[in-house]
Amino acid sequence: METPWDHRYAQRTQRMASSAIRELLKLTESPEIISFAGGLPSPDVFPVEEFKQACDRVLCDHGPQALQYSTTEGFVPLRQMIARHTSRYGIEINITNILITSGSQQALDLIGKIFINPGDRILVESPTYLGALQAWNAYGAEYVPIPADQHGMITDALEGALRTGPKFIYVLPNFQNPTGTTLSMERRLKLVGLADFYGVPVIEDDPYGQLRF
């Protein structure tokens, strides 16, 4: 008997679609294509030799530990380093506040699992990062778009949306994907002030903050 699969899938799979990001990456495999559709760094600047040296050092000095299962939270020395680095920005945290993930998509999916119920409103820039929408669509999120211009999210349009009771605000303040804009200091301060006044968390997605020239 052939196994009937259709009725076995979870109902949330009906809100899932194939990954547009994955489809875009397929195009980049062609050597004739220079894609501006994804955040792909130039392979010419990959520190291949430095990675090789780092891998050799880890395997020589800590090989068994590196290849063994570890804690869910991640490698303690790495979390300690991240905590020290974060303190440079006036954010005092310790390793209990840090969870290492396998890329941003896993982090976005975990946020969806923890925070989003079907029908929850999420405030997002318009446009916003496609990967976040794909991660949260499966959890039934509804999006409240906030318009943006060359200086980032227009925070003057934010207060009315905050009165709708959103679960959180999702923002990419540095070199926003897909527009490339950076949120001005004036708007950053207003965003944080309004979020604090209404008690709404801010989810900051900052993959490019340290890649400025």
N, C-alpha and C. Protein backbone atom coordinates (compact mmCIF):
# COMPACT_ATOMS: atom_id res chain seq x y z
N MET A 1 0.86 -1.21 0.00
CA MET A 1 0.00 0.00 0.00
C MET A 1 0.88 1.25 0.00
N GLU A 2 0.58 2.18 -0.85
CA GLU A 2 1.34 3.43 -0.90
C GLU A 2 0.89 4.34 0.23
N THR A 3 1.85 4.87 0.94
CA THR A 3 1.53 5.72 2.09
C THR A 3 0.92 7.04 1.64
N PRO A 4 -0.28 7.40 2.15
CA PRO A 4 -0.88 8.71 1.83
C PRO A 4 -0.22 9.80 2.68
N TRP A 5 0.45 10.73 2.07
CA TRP A 5 1.22 11.73 2.80
C TRP A 5 0.47 13.03 3.01
N ASP A 6 -0.41 13.40 2.10
CA ASP A 6 -0.95 14.76 2.12
C ASP A 6 -1.59 15.13 3.45
N HIS A 7 -2.36 14.22 4.04
CA HIS A 7 -3.08 14.57 5.26
C HIS A 7 -2.19 14.47 6.50
N ARG A 8 -0.96 14.02 6.34
CA ARG A 8 -0.06 13.87 7.49
C ARG A 8 0.75 15.14 7.78
N TYR A 9 0.84 16.02 6.81
CA TYR A 9 1.61 17.24 7.04
C TYR A 9 0.91 18.16 8.03
N ALA A 10 1.71 18.88 8.83
CA ALA A 10 1.15 19.86 9.76
C ALA A 10 0.41 20.95 8.99
N GLN A 11 -0.64 21.51 9.60
CA GLN A 11 -1.44 22.53 8.92
C GLN A 11 -0.61 23.75 8.54
N ARG A 12 0.43 24.06 9.34
CA ARG A 12 1.23 25.25 9.03
C ARG A 12 1.97 25.12 7.70
N THR A 13 2.15 23.88 7.20
CA THR A 13 2.84 23.73 5.92
C THR A 13 2.04 24.32 4.77
N GLN A 14 0.74 24.52 4.98
CA GLN A 14 -0.07 25.13 3.93
C GLN A 14 0.30 26.59 3.69
N ARG A 15 0.96 27.20 4.71
CA ARG A 15 1.40 28.59 4.56
C ARG A 15 2.84 28.68 4.05
N MET A 16 3.48 27.53 3.84
CA MET A 16 4.86 27.52 3.39
C MET A 16 4.95 27.52 1.88
N ALA A 17 6.00 28.15 1.39
CA ALA A 17 6.28 28.16 -0.05
C ALA A 17 7.76 27.87 -0.23
N SER A 18 8.15 27.56 -1.44
CA SER A 18 9.56 27.32 -1.69
C SER A 18 10.35 28.59 -1.42
N SER A 19 11.61 28.45 -1.05
CA SER A 19 12.44 29.58 -0.67
C SER A 19 12.86 30.38 -1.89
N ALA A 20 12.46 31.65 -1.94
CA ALA A 20 12.89 32.51 -3.03
C ALA A 20 14.40 32.74 -2.98
N ILE A 21 14.95 32.77 -1.76
CA ILE A 21 16.40 32.96 -1.62
C ILE A 21 17.13 31.78 -2.23
N ARG A 22 16.64 30.58 -1.97
CA ARG A 22 17.28 29.39 -2.54
C ARG A 22 17.23 29.41 -4.06
N GLU A 23 16.10 29.86 -4.62
CA GLU A 23 15.99 29.94 -6.07
C GLU A 23 16.95 30.97 -6.64
N LEU A 24 17.13 32.08 -5.92
CA LEU A 24 18.09 33.09 -6.38
C LEU A 24 19.51 32.55 -6.37
N LEU A 25 19.83 31.79 -5.33
CA LEU A 25 21.19 31.25 -5.22
C LEU A 25 21.49 30.26 -6.34
N LYS A 26 20.47 29.58 -6.83
CA LYS A 26 20.70 28.66 -7.95
C LYS A 26 21.23 29.41 -9.17
N LEU A 27 20.74 30.63 -9.37
CA LEU A 27 21.18 31.42 -10.51
C LEU A 27 22.64 31.81 -10.39
N THR A 28 23.11 31.99 -9.15
CA THR A 28 24.49 32.45 -8.96
C THR A 28 25.51 31.37 -9.27
N GLU A 29 25.07 30.12 -9.43
CA GLU A 29 26.01 29.06 -9.77
C GLU A 29 26.55 29.20 -11.18
N SER A 30 25.88 29.98 -12.00
CA SER A 30 26.34 30.19 -13.37
C SER A 30 27.47 31.22 -13.36
N PRO A 31 28.63 30.90 -13.94
CA PRO A 31 29.76 31.85 -13.93
C PRO A 31 29.48 33.12 -14.71
N GLU A 32 28.46 33.12 -15.57
CA GLU A 32 28.15 34.31 -16.34
C GLU A 32 27.30 35.32 -15.57
N ILE A 33 26.80 34.90 -14.40
CA ILE A 33 25.87 35.73 -13.64
C ILE A 33 26.60 36.49 -12.54
N ILE A 34 26.41 37.80 -12.50
CA ILE A 34 26.80 38.63 -11.36
C ILE A 34 25.50 39.09 -10.72
N SER A 35 25.16 38.50 -9.57
CA SER A 35 23.85 38.73 -8.96
C SER A 35 23.90 39.85 -7.93
N PHE A 36 22.96 40.77 -8.06
CA PHE A 36 22.75 41.80 -7.05
C PHE A 36 21.53 41.49 -6.19
N ALA A 37 20.99 40.29 -6.32
CA ALA A 37 19.76 39.91 -5.63
C ALA A 37 20.00 39.36 -4.24
N GLY A 38 21.22 38.96 -3.93
CA GLY A 38 21.51 38.38 -2.62
C GLY A 38 22.75 39.01 -2.01
N GLY A 39 22.90 38.81 -0.70
CA GLY A 39 24.06 39.35 0.00
C GLY A 39 25.26 38.45 -0.15
N LEU A 40 25.78 38.37 -1.36
CA LEU A 40 26.90 37.46 -1.65
C LEU A 40 28.21 38.24 -1.67
N PRO A 41 29.12 37.96 -0.74
CA PRO A 41 30.42 38.64 -0.77
C PRO A 41 31.26 38.14 -1.94
N SER A 42 32.21 38.96 -2.34
CA SER A 42 33.12 38.55 -3.41
C SER A 42 34.02 37.43 -2.91
N PRO A 43 34.07 36.30 -3.62
CA PRO A 43 34.96 35.21 -3.19
C PRO A 43 36.43 35.60 -3.24
N ASP A 44 36.76 36.67 -3.96
CA ASP A 44 38.15 37.11 -4.03
C ASP A 44 38.68 37.60 -2.69
N VAL A 45 37.77 37.99 -1.78
CA VAL A 45 38.22 38.52 -0.50
C VAL A 45 38.06 37.50 0.64
N PHE A 46 37.67 36.27 0.32
CA PHE A 46 37.57 35.25 1.37
C PHE A 46 38.95 34.97 1.95
N PRO A 47 39.10 35.00 3.27
CA PRO A 47 40.40 34.73 3.90
C PRO A 47 40.67 33.23 3.98
N VAL A 48 40.86 32.61 2.83
CA VAL A 48 40.99 31.15 2.78
C VAL A 48 42.19 30.67 3.59
N GLU A 49 43.33 31.31 3.43
CA GLU A 49 44.53 30.87 4.13
C GLU A 49 44.37 31.03 5.64
N GLU A 50 43.74 32.13 6.07
CA GLU A 50 43.52 32.34 7.51
C GLU A 50 42.56 31.29 8.08
N PHE A 51 41.52 30.93 7.31
CA PHE A 51 40.60 29.88 7.77
C PHE A 51 41.33 28.54 7.87
N LYS A 52 42.19 28.28 6.92
CA LYS A 52 42.95 27.03 6.95
C LYS A 52 43.82 26.96 8.19
N GLN A 53 44.51 28.05 8.50
CA GLN A 53 45.36 28.09 9.68
C GLN A 53 44.55 27.93 10.96
N ALA A 54 43.38 28.58 11.00
CA ALA A 54 42.52 28.49 12.18
C ALA A 54 42.03 27.06 12.38
N CYS A 55 41.61 26.41 11.28
CA CYS A 55 41.14 25.02 11.38
C CYS A 55 42.26 24.09 11.84
N ASP A 56 43.45 24.29 11.28
CA ASP A 56 44.59 23.46 11.68
C ASP A 56 44.90 23.62 13.16
N ARG A 57 44.84 24.87 13.62
CA ARG A 57 45.14 25.12 15.04
C ARG A 57 44.11 24.47 15.95
N VAL A 58 42.85 24.61 15.59
CA VAL A 58 41.79 24.03 16.43
C VAL A 58 41.91 22.52 16.47
N LEU A 59 42.11 21.89 15.31
CA LEU A 59 42.18 20.43 15.26
C LEU A 59 43.43 19.90 15.94
N CYS A 60 44.52 20.64 15.87
CA CYS A 60 45.76 20.20 16.54
C CYS A 60 45.67 20.37 18.05
N ASP A 61 45.10 21.49 18.49
CA ASP A 61 45.11 21.80 19.93
C ASP A 61 43.87 21.29 20.66
N HIS A 62 42.72 21.23 19.96
CA HIS A 62 41.47 20.87 20.64
C HIS A 62 40.63 19.94 19.74
N GLY A 63 41.27 19.05 19.00
CA GLY A 63 40.57 18.23 18.05
C GLY A 63 39.40 17.45 18.60
N PRO A 64 39.60 16.62 19.64
CA PRO A 64 38.47 15.83 20.18
C PRO A 64 37.31 16.71 20.67
N GLN A 65 37.64 17.82 21.32
CA GLN A 65 36.59 18.71 21.81
C GLN A 65 35.84 19.36 20.65
N ALA A 66 36.56 19.76 19.61
CA ALA A 66 35.94 20.44 18.48
C ALA A 66 35.00 19.52 17.71
N LEU A 67 35.30 18.22 17.68
CA LEU A 67 34.49 17.28 16.90
C LEU A 67 33.39 16.62 17.72
N GLN A 68 33.34 16.91 19.02
CA GLN A 68 32.35 16.30 19.90
C GLN A 68 31.09 17.17 19.97
N TYR A 69 29.97 16.57 20.37
CA TYR A 69 28.77 17.36 20.63
C TYR A 69 29.08 18.39 21.70
N SER A 70 28.40 19.53 21.62
CA SER A 70 28.60 20.59 22.60
C SER A 70 27.24 21.02 23.15
N THR A 71 27.25 22.03 24.00
CA THR A 71 26.01 22.52 24.59
C THR A 71 25.18 23.25 23.54
N THR A 72 23.89 23.31 23.76
CA THR A 72 22.98 23.97 22.84
C THR A 72 23.31 25.45 22.69
N GLU A 73 23.76 26.08 23.77
CA GLU A 73 24.00 27.52 23.74
C GLU A 73 25.20 27.90 22.87
N GLY A 74 26.13 26.96 22.67
CA GLY A 74 27.29 27.25 21.85
C GLY A 74 28.59 27.27 22.64
N PHE A 75 29.70 27.38 21.92
CA PHE A 75 31.05 27.32 22.48
C PHE A 75 31.26 28.48 23.44
N VAL A 76 31.60 28.17 24.69
CA VAL A 76 31.68 29.19 25.74
C VAL A 76 32.69 30.29 25.41
N PRO A 77 33.92 29.98 24.99
CA PRO A 77 34.85 31.07 24.66
C PRO A 77 34.34 32.00 23.56
N LEU A 78 33.60 31.46 22.59
CA LEU A 78 33.02 32.31 21.55
C LEU A 78 31.96 33.22 22.14
N ARG A 79 31.13 32.70 23.00
CA ARG A 79 30.10 33.53 23.64
C ARG A 79 30.73 34.61 24.52
N GLN A 80 31.82 34.27 25.19
CA GLN A 80 32.53 35.26 26.00
C GLN A 80 33.09 36.38 25.12
N MET A 81 33.64 36.01 23.97
CA MET A 81 34.18 37.01 23.05
C MET A 81 33.08 37.94 22.54
N ILE A 82 31.92 37.36 22.21
CA ILE A 82 30.80 38.17 21.73
C ILE A 82 30.32 39.13 22.82
N ALA A 83 30.28 38.66 24.05
CA ALA A 83 29.87 39.53 25.16
C ALA A 83 30.84 40.70 25.32
N ARG A 84 32.15 40.42 25.23
CA ARG A 84 33.15 41.50 25.34
C ARG A 84 32.99 42.49 24.19
N HIS A 85 32.79 41.98 23.00
CA HIS A 85 32.65 42.86 21.84
C HIS A 85 31.40 43.72 21.96
N THR A 86 30.32 43.15 22.42
CA THR A 86 29.06 43.88 22.53
C THR A 86 29.18 45.02 23.53
N SER A 87 30.02 44.85 24.54
CA SER A 87 30.18 45.90 25.55
C SER A 87 30.77 47.17 24.96
N ARG A 88 31.45 47.07 23.80
CA ARG A 88 32.00 48.26 23.15
C ARG A 88 30.90 49.23 22.75
N TYR A 89 29.70 48.71 22.56
CA TYR A 89 28.58 49.54 22.14
C TYR A 89 27.71 49.95 23.33
N GLY A 90 28.23 49.78 24.53
CA GLY A 90 27.48 50.17 25.71
C GLY A 90 26.41 49.19 26.11
N ILE A 91 26.43 47.98 25.56
CA ILE A 91 25.44 46.96 25.89
C ILE A 91 26.12 45.93 26.77
N GLU A 92 25.81 45.93 28.04
CA GLU A 92 26.47 45.05 29.00
C GLU A 92 25.67 43.75 29.13
N ILE A 93 26.21 42.67 28.60
CA ILE A 93 25.58 41.36 28.68
C ILE A 93 26.63 40.34 29.09
N ASN A 94 26.17 39.13 29.41
CA ASN A 94 27.09 38.04 29.68
C ASN A 94 26.67 36.84 28.83
N ILE A 95 27.38 35.72 29.00
CA ILE A 95 27.16 34.60 28.10
C ILE A 95 25.77 33.98 28.24
N THR A 96 25.09 34.23 29.36
CA THR A 96 23.74 33.69 29.49
C THR A 96 22.75 34.39 28.56
N ASN A 97 23.15 35.54 28.01
CA ASN A 97 22.30 36.27 27.07
C ASN A 97 22.59 35.92 25.62
N ILE A 98 23.51 34.97 25.36
CA ILE A 98 23.97 34.70 24.01
C ILE A 98 23.70 33.26 23.62
N LEU A 99 23.13 33.09 22.44
CA LEU A 99 22.87 31.77 21.87
C LEU A 99 23.45 31.74 20.46
N ILE A 100 24.34 30.80 20.19
CA ILE A 100 24.94 30.66 18.87
C ILE A 100 23.99 29.86 17.98
N THR A 101 23.73 30.38 16.78
CA THR A 101 22.86 29.68 15.83
C THR A 101 23.62 29.38 14.54
N SER A 102 23.06 28.51 13.74
CA SER A 102 23.64 28.18 12.43
C SER A 102 23.10 29.15 11.38
N GLY A 103 23.53 30.39 11.49
CA GLY A 103 23.09 31.40 10.54
C GLY A 103 21.85 32.15 11.01
N SER A 104 21.55 33.22 10.30
CA SER A 104 20.45 34.09 10.71
C SER A 104 19.08 33.44 10.54
N GLN A 105 18.94 32.54 9.55
CA GLN A 105 17.63 31.95 9.34
C GLN A 105 17.21 31.08 10.52
N GLN A 106 18.15 30.37 11.12
CA GLN A 106 17.81 29.60 12.32
C GLN A 106 17.38 30.54 13.45
N ALA A 107 18.08 31.67 13.59
CA ALA A 107 17.72 32.62 14.63
C ALA A 107 16.32 33.19 14.40
N LEU A 108 16.01 33.54 13.15
CA LEU A 108 14.68 34.07 12.83
C LEU A 108 13.60 33.02 13.08
N ASP A 109 13.89 31.77 12.75
CA ASP A 109 12.91 30.71 12.98
C ASP A 109 12.67 30.51 14.47
N LEU A 110 13.73 30.57 15.28
CA LEU A 110 13.58 30.44 16.73
C LEU A 110 12.74 31.58 17.29
N ILE A 111 12.95 32.79 16.77
CA ILE A 111 12.14 33.92 17.21
C ILE A 111 10.67 33.66 16.90
N GLY A 112 10.40 33.11 15.71
CA GLY A 112 9.02 32.79 15.37
C GLY A 112 8.42 31.75 16.31
N LYS A 113 9.18 30.71 16.61
CA LYS A 113 8.68 29.67 17.51
C LYS A 113 8.37 30.21 18.89
N ILE A 114 9.19 31.13 19.37
CA ILE A 114 9.05 31.62 20.74
C ILE A 114 7.95 32.68 20.86
N PHE A 115 7.83 33.55 19.86
CA PHE A 115 7.00 34.74 20.03
C PHE A 115 5.70 34.76 19.25
N ILE A 116 5.64 34.11 18.09
CA ILE A 116 4.54 34.38 17.16
C ILE A 116 3.43 33.34 17.27
N ASN A 117 2.23 33.82 17.53
CA ASN A 117 1.01 33.03 17.43
C ASN A 117 0.30 33.43 16.13
N PRO A 118 -0.55 32.55 15.58
CA PRO A 118 -1.28 32.93 14.36
C PRO A 118 -2.06 34.22 14.56
N GLY A 119 -1.86 35.15 13.62
CA GLY A 119 -2.56 36.42 13.70
C GLY A 119 -1.80 37.53 14.39
N ASP A 120 -0.67 37.23 15.01
CA ASP A 120 0.12 38.27 15.66
C ASP A 120 0.64 39.27 14.62
N ARG A 121 0.61 40.54 15.00
CA ARG A 121 1.10 41.60 14.11
C ARG A 121 2.59 41.85 14.37
N ILE A 122 3.35 41.98 13.29
CA ILE A 122 4.76 42.31 13.36
C ILE A 122 4.97 43.59 12.56
N LEU A 123 5.61 44.59 13.17
CA LEU A 123 5.91 45.81 12.44
C LEU A 123 7.22 45.63 11.68
N VAL A 124 7.18 45.89 10.38
CA VAL A 124 8.35 45.71 9.53
C VAL A 124 8.53 46.92 8.62
N GLU A 125 9.78 47.14 8.22
CA GLU A 125 10.04 48.16 7.20
C GLU A 125 9.44 47.71 5.87
N SER A 126 9.11 48.67 5.05
CA SER A 126 8.55 48.35 3.73
C SER A 126 9.43 48.96 2.65
N PRO A 127 10.20 48.11 1.92
CA PRO A 127 10.23 46.64 1.99
C PRO A 127 11.14 46.16 3.11
N THR A 128 11.08 44.84 3.37
CA THR A 128 11.92 44.26 4.41
C THR A 128 12.57 42.98 3.90
N TYR A 129 13.36 42.35 4.78
CA TYR A 129 14.13 41.18 4.39
C TYR A 129 13.22 39.99 4.11
N LEU A 130 13.35 39.45 2.90
CA LEU A 130 12.49 38.35 2.47
C LEU A 130 12.64 37.12 3.36
N GLY A 131 13.86 36.84 3.83
CA GLY A 131 14.08 35.65 4.64
C GLY A 131 13.32 35.67 5.96
N ALA A 132 13.15 36.86 6.54
CA ALA A 132 12.38 36.97 7.79
C ALA A 132 10.91 36.65 7.53
N LEU A 133 10.37 37.19 6.44
CA LEU A 133 8.97 36.91 6.12
C LEU A 133 8.75 35.42 5.89
N GLN A 134 9.67 34.78 5.19
CA GLN A 134 9.52 33.35 4.94
C GLN A 134 9.63 32.54 6.23
N ALA A 135 10.47 32.99 7.15
CA ALA A 135 10.61 32.27 8.42
C ALA A 135 9.34 32.38 9.26
N TRP A 136 8.68 33.53 9.21
CA TRP A 136 7.55 33.77 10.10
C TRP A 136 6.19 33.49 9.47
N ASN A 137 6.14 33.36 8.16
CA ASN A 137 4.86 33.02 7.52
C ASN A 137 4.32 31.70 8.05
N ALA A 138 5.22 30.75 8.31
CA ALA A 138 4.78 29.43 8.78
C ALA A 138 4.08 29.50 10.13
N TYR A 139 4.35 30.58 10.90
CA TYR A 139 3.73 30.70 12.23
C TYR A 139 2.49 31.59 12.21
N GLY A 140 2.07 32.00 11.00
CA GLY A 140 0.83 32.75 10.88
C GLY A 140 0.94 34.22 11.21
N ALA A 141 2.14 34.81 11.06
CA ALA A 141 2.31 36.22 11.36
C ALA A 141 1.56 37.10 10.36
N GLU A 142 1.12 38.26 10.84
CA GLU A 142 0.57 39.30 9.98
C GLU A 142 1.49 40.51 10.08
N TYR A 143 1.72 41.17 8.96
CA TYR A 143 2.72 42.22 8.91
C TYR A 143 2.09 43.59 8.76
N VAL A 144 2.61 44.52 9.54
CA VAL A 144 2.18 45.92 9.45
C VAL A 144 3.36 46.69 8.86
N PRO A 145 3.29 47.06 7.57
CA PRO A 145 4.44 47.71 6.93
C PRO A 145 4.55 49.18 7.34
N ILE A 146 5.79 49.58 7.65
CA ILE A 146 6.10 50.97 7.95
C ILE A 146 6.91 51.52 6.77
N PRO A 147 6.47 52.60 6.14
CA PRO A 147 7.20 53.10 4.97
C PRO A 147 8.61 53.53 5.32
N ALA A 148 9.47 53.50 4.32
CA ALA A 148 10.87 53.88 4.50
C ALA A 148 11.29 54.78 3.34
N ASP A 149 12.35 55.57 3.58
CA ASP A 149 12.93 56.40 2.53
C ASP A 149 14.44 56.25 2.56
N GLN A 150 15.17 57.21 2.04
CA GLN A 150 16.62 57.08 1.95
C GLN A 150 17.30 57.13 3.31
N HIS A 151 16.57 57.46 4.36
CA HIS A 151 17.13 57.49 5.71
C HIS A 151 16.60 56.35 6.57
N GLY A 152 15.96 55.38 5.95
CA GLY A 152 15.46 54.22 6.68
C GLY A 152 13.99 54.33 7.04
N MET A 153 13.58 53.56 8.03
CA MET A 153 12.19 53.55 8.47
C MET A 153 11.73 54.96 8.84
N ILE A 154 10.55 55.34 8.34
CA ILE A 154 9.99 56.66 8.66
C ILE A 154 9.30 56.53 10.02
N THR A 155 9.99 56.92 11.06
CA THR A 155 9.49 56.71 12.42
C THR A 155 8.30 57.59 12.75
N ASP A 156 8.07 58.65 11.97
CA ASP A 156 6.87 59.46 12.20
C ASP A 156 5.60 58.66 11.91
N ALA A 157 5.74 57.58 11.13
CA ALA A 157 4.59 56.73 10.81
C ALA A 157 4.48 55.54 11.77
N LEU A 158 5.32 55.51 12.77
CA LEU A 158 5.41 54.32 13.62
C LEU A 158 4.39 54.30 14.75
N GLU A 159 4.09 55.45 15.31
CA GLU A 159 3.28 55.47 16.53
C GLU A 159 1.89 54.90 16.32
N GLY A 160 1.25 55.25 15.21
CA GLY A 160 -0.08 54.71 14.96
C GLY A 160 -0.06 53.20 14.86
N ALA A 161 0.97 52.65 14.23
CA ALA A 161 1.08 51.19 14.10
C ALA A 161 1.33 50.54 15.45
N LEU A 162 2.04 51.23 16.33
CA LEU A 162 2.31 50.67 17.66
C LEU A 162 1.03 50.55 18.48
N ARG A 163 0.03 51.34 18.18
CA ARG A 163 -1.23 51.28 18.92
C ARG A 163 -2.05 50.06 18.55
N THR A 164 -1.65 49.33 17.50
CA THR A 164 -2.40 48.13 17.10
C THR A 164 -2.00 46.91 17.93
N GLY A 165 -1.05 47.08 18.84
CA GLY A 165 -0.64 45.97 19.70
C GLY A 165 0.24 44.94 19.03
N PRO A 166 1.31 45.35 18.35
CA PRO A 166 2.17 44.37 17.67
C PRO A 166 2.98 43.55 18.66
N LYS A 167 3.41 42.38 18.22
CA LYS A 167 4.22 41.52 19.07
C LYS A 167 5.65 42.08 19.19
N PHE A 168 6.19 42.56 18.08
CA PHE A 168 7.50 43.21 18.13
C PHE A 168 7.73 44.02 16.85
N ILE A 169 8.81 44.81 16.86
CA ILE A 169 9.25 45.57 15.68
C ILE A 169 10.48 44.87 15.12
N TYR A 170 10.49 44.63 13.81
CA TYR A 170 11.64 44.02 13.16
C TYR A 170 12.30 45.06 12.27
N VAL A 171 13.59 45.31 12.49
CA VAL A 171 14.26 46.39 11.77
C VAL A 171 15.69 45.99 11.44
N LEU A 172 16.15 46.41 10.26
CA LEU A 172 17.54 46.25 9.84
C LEU A 172 18.13 47.65 9.71
N PRO A 173 18.76 48.19 10.76
CA PRO A 173 19.14 49.60 10.76
C PRO A 173 20.37 49.93 9.93
N ASN A 174 21.24 48.94 9.67
CA ASN A 174 22.48 49.20 8.95
C ASN A 174 22.47 48.50 7.59
N PHE A 175 22.54 49.30 6.51
CA PHE A 175 22.60 48.75 5.16
C PHE A 175 21.46 47.76 4.94
N GLN A 176 20.27 48.25 5.10
CA GLN A 176 19.06 47.43 5.13
C GLN A 176 18.93 46.57 3.87
N ASN A 177 18.46 45.38 4.06
CA ASN A 177 18.19 44.46 2.96
C ASN A 177 16.67 44.48 2.71
N PRO A 178 16.20 44.94 1.53
CA PRO A 178 16.95 45.02 0.27
C PRO A 178 17.35 46.43 -0.17
N THR A 179 17.02 47.48 0.59
CA THR A 179 17.21 48.84 0.06
C THR A 179 18.64 49.35 0.20
N GLY A 180 19.40 48.83 1.17
CA GLY A 180 20.76 49.31 1.40
C GLY A 180 20.84 50.57 2.24
N THR A 181 19.71 51.08 2.72
CA THR A 181 19.71 52.32 3.50
C THR A 181 20.15 52.07 4.94
N THR A 182 20.61 53.15 5.58
CA THR A 182 21.00 53.09 6.99
C THR A 182 20.14 54.06 7.78
N LEU A 183 19.59 53.57 8.87
CA LEU A 183 18.67 54.37 9.70
C LEU A 183 19.44 55.52 10.35
N SER A 184 18.92 56.74 10.21
CA SER A 184 19.60 57.90 10.78
C SER A 184 19.57 57.85 12.31
N MET A 185 20.53 58.58 12.93
CA MET A 185 20.59 58.59 14.39
C MET A 185 19.31 59.16 14.99
N GLU A 186 18.78 60.22 14.40
CA GLU A 186 17.54 60.81 14.90
C GLU A 186 16.41 59.79 14.92
N ARG A 187 16.30 59.00 13.86
CA ARG A 187 15.23 58.01 13.79
C ARG A 187 15.51 56.82 14.70
N ARG A 188 16.77 56.48 14.88
CA ARG A 188 17.09 55.40 15.84
C ARG A 188 16.60 55.77 17.23
N LEU A 189 16.90 56.99 17.64
CA LEU A 189 16.49 57.43 18.97
C LEU A 189 14.97 57.46 19.11
N LYS A 190 14.29 57.90 18.06
CA LYS A 190 12.82 57.94 18.12
C LYS A 190 12.25 56.53 18.14
N LEU A 191 12.83 55.63 17.35
CA LEU A 191 12.37 54.24 17.33
C LEU A 191 12.47 53.61 18.71
N VAL A 192 13.64 53.75 19.33
CA VAL A 192 13.83 53.16 20.66
C VAL A 192 12.93 53.82 21.68
N GLY A 193 12.77 55.14 21.59
CA GLY A 193 11.91 55.84 22.54
C GLY A 193 10.46 55.40 22.43
N LEU A 194 9.94 55.27 21.21
CA LEU A 194 8.56 54.83 21.03
C LEU A 194 8.37 53.38 21.47
N ALA A 195 9.35 52.53 21.13
CA ALA A 195 9.25 51.12 21.53
C ALA A 195 9.22 51.00 23.05
N ASP A 196 10.03 51.82 23.72
CA ASP A 196 10.06 51.78 25.18
C ASP A 196 8.75 52.30 25.76
N PHE A 197 8.20 53.36 25.16
CA PHE A 197 6.96 53.95 25.67
C PHE A 197 5.79 52.97 25.56
N TYR A 198 5.73 52.23 24.44
CA TYR A 198 4.63 51.30 24.24
C TYR A 198 4.95 49.88 24.72
N GLY A 199 6.17 49.67 25.22
CA GLY A 199 6.54 48.35 25.74
C GLY A 199 6.62 47.27 24.68
N VAL A 200 7.07 47.63 23.48
CA VAL A 200 7.16 46.68 22.37
C VAL A 200 8.63 46.36 22.10
N PRO A 201 9.02 45.09 22.10
CA PRO A 201 10.42 44.74 21.85
C PRO A 201 10.84 45.10 20.42
N VAL A 202 12.14 45.34 20.25
CA VAL A 202 12.72 45.57 18.94
C VAL A 202 13.64 44.40 18.60
N ILE A 203 13.39 43.76 17.47
CA ILE A 203 14.29 42.71 16.96
C ILE A 203 15.20 43.37 15.94
N GLU A 204 16.48 43.53 16.28
CA GLU A 204 17.44 44.16 15.38
C GLU A 204 18.18 43.07 14.61
N ASP A 205 18.14 43.18 13.28
CA ASP A 205 18.87 42.27 12.41
C ASP A 205 20.03 43.08 11.81
N ASP A 206 21.26 42.72 12.17
CA ASP A 206 22.40 43.57 11.81
C ASP A 206 23.53 42.73 11.21
N PRO A 207 23.33 42.15 10.04
CA PRO A 207 24.39 41.32 9.45
C PRO A 207 25.54 42.12 8.86
N TYR A 208 25.29 43.39 8.53
CA TYR A 208 26.30 44.17 7.79
C TYR A 208 26.89 45.32 8.59
N GLY A 209 26.55 45.42 9.87
CA GLY A 209 26.95 46.57 10.66
C GLY A 209 28.46 46.78 10.74
N GLN A 210 29.23 45.70 10.69
CA GLN A 210 30.68 45.81 10.78
C GLN A 210 31.37 45.74 9.42
N LEU A 211 30.61 45.76 8.35
CA LEU A 211 31.19 45.67 7.01
C LEU A 211 31.12 47.01 6.29
N ARG A 212 31.32 48.06 7.04
CA ARG A 212 31.25 49.40 6.43
C ARG A 212 32.63 49.83 5.96
N PHE A 213 32.65 50.69 4.95
CA PHE A 213 33.90 51.17 4.37
C PHE A 213 34.00 52.69 4.58
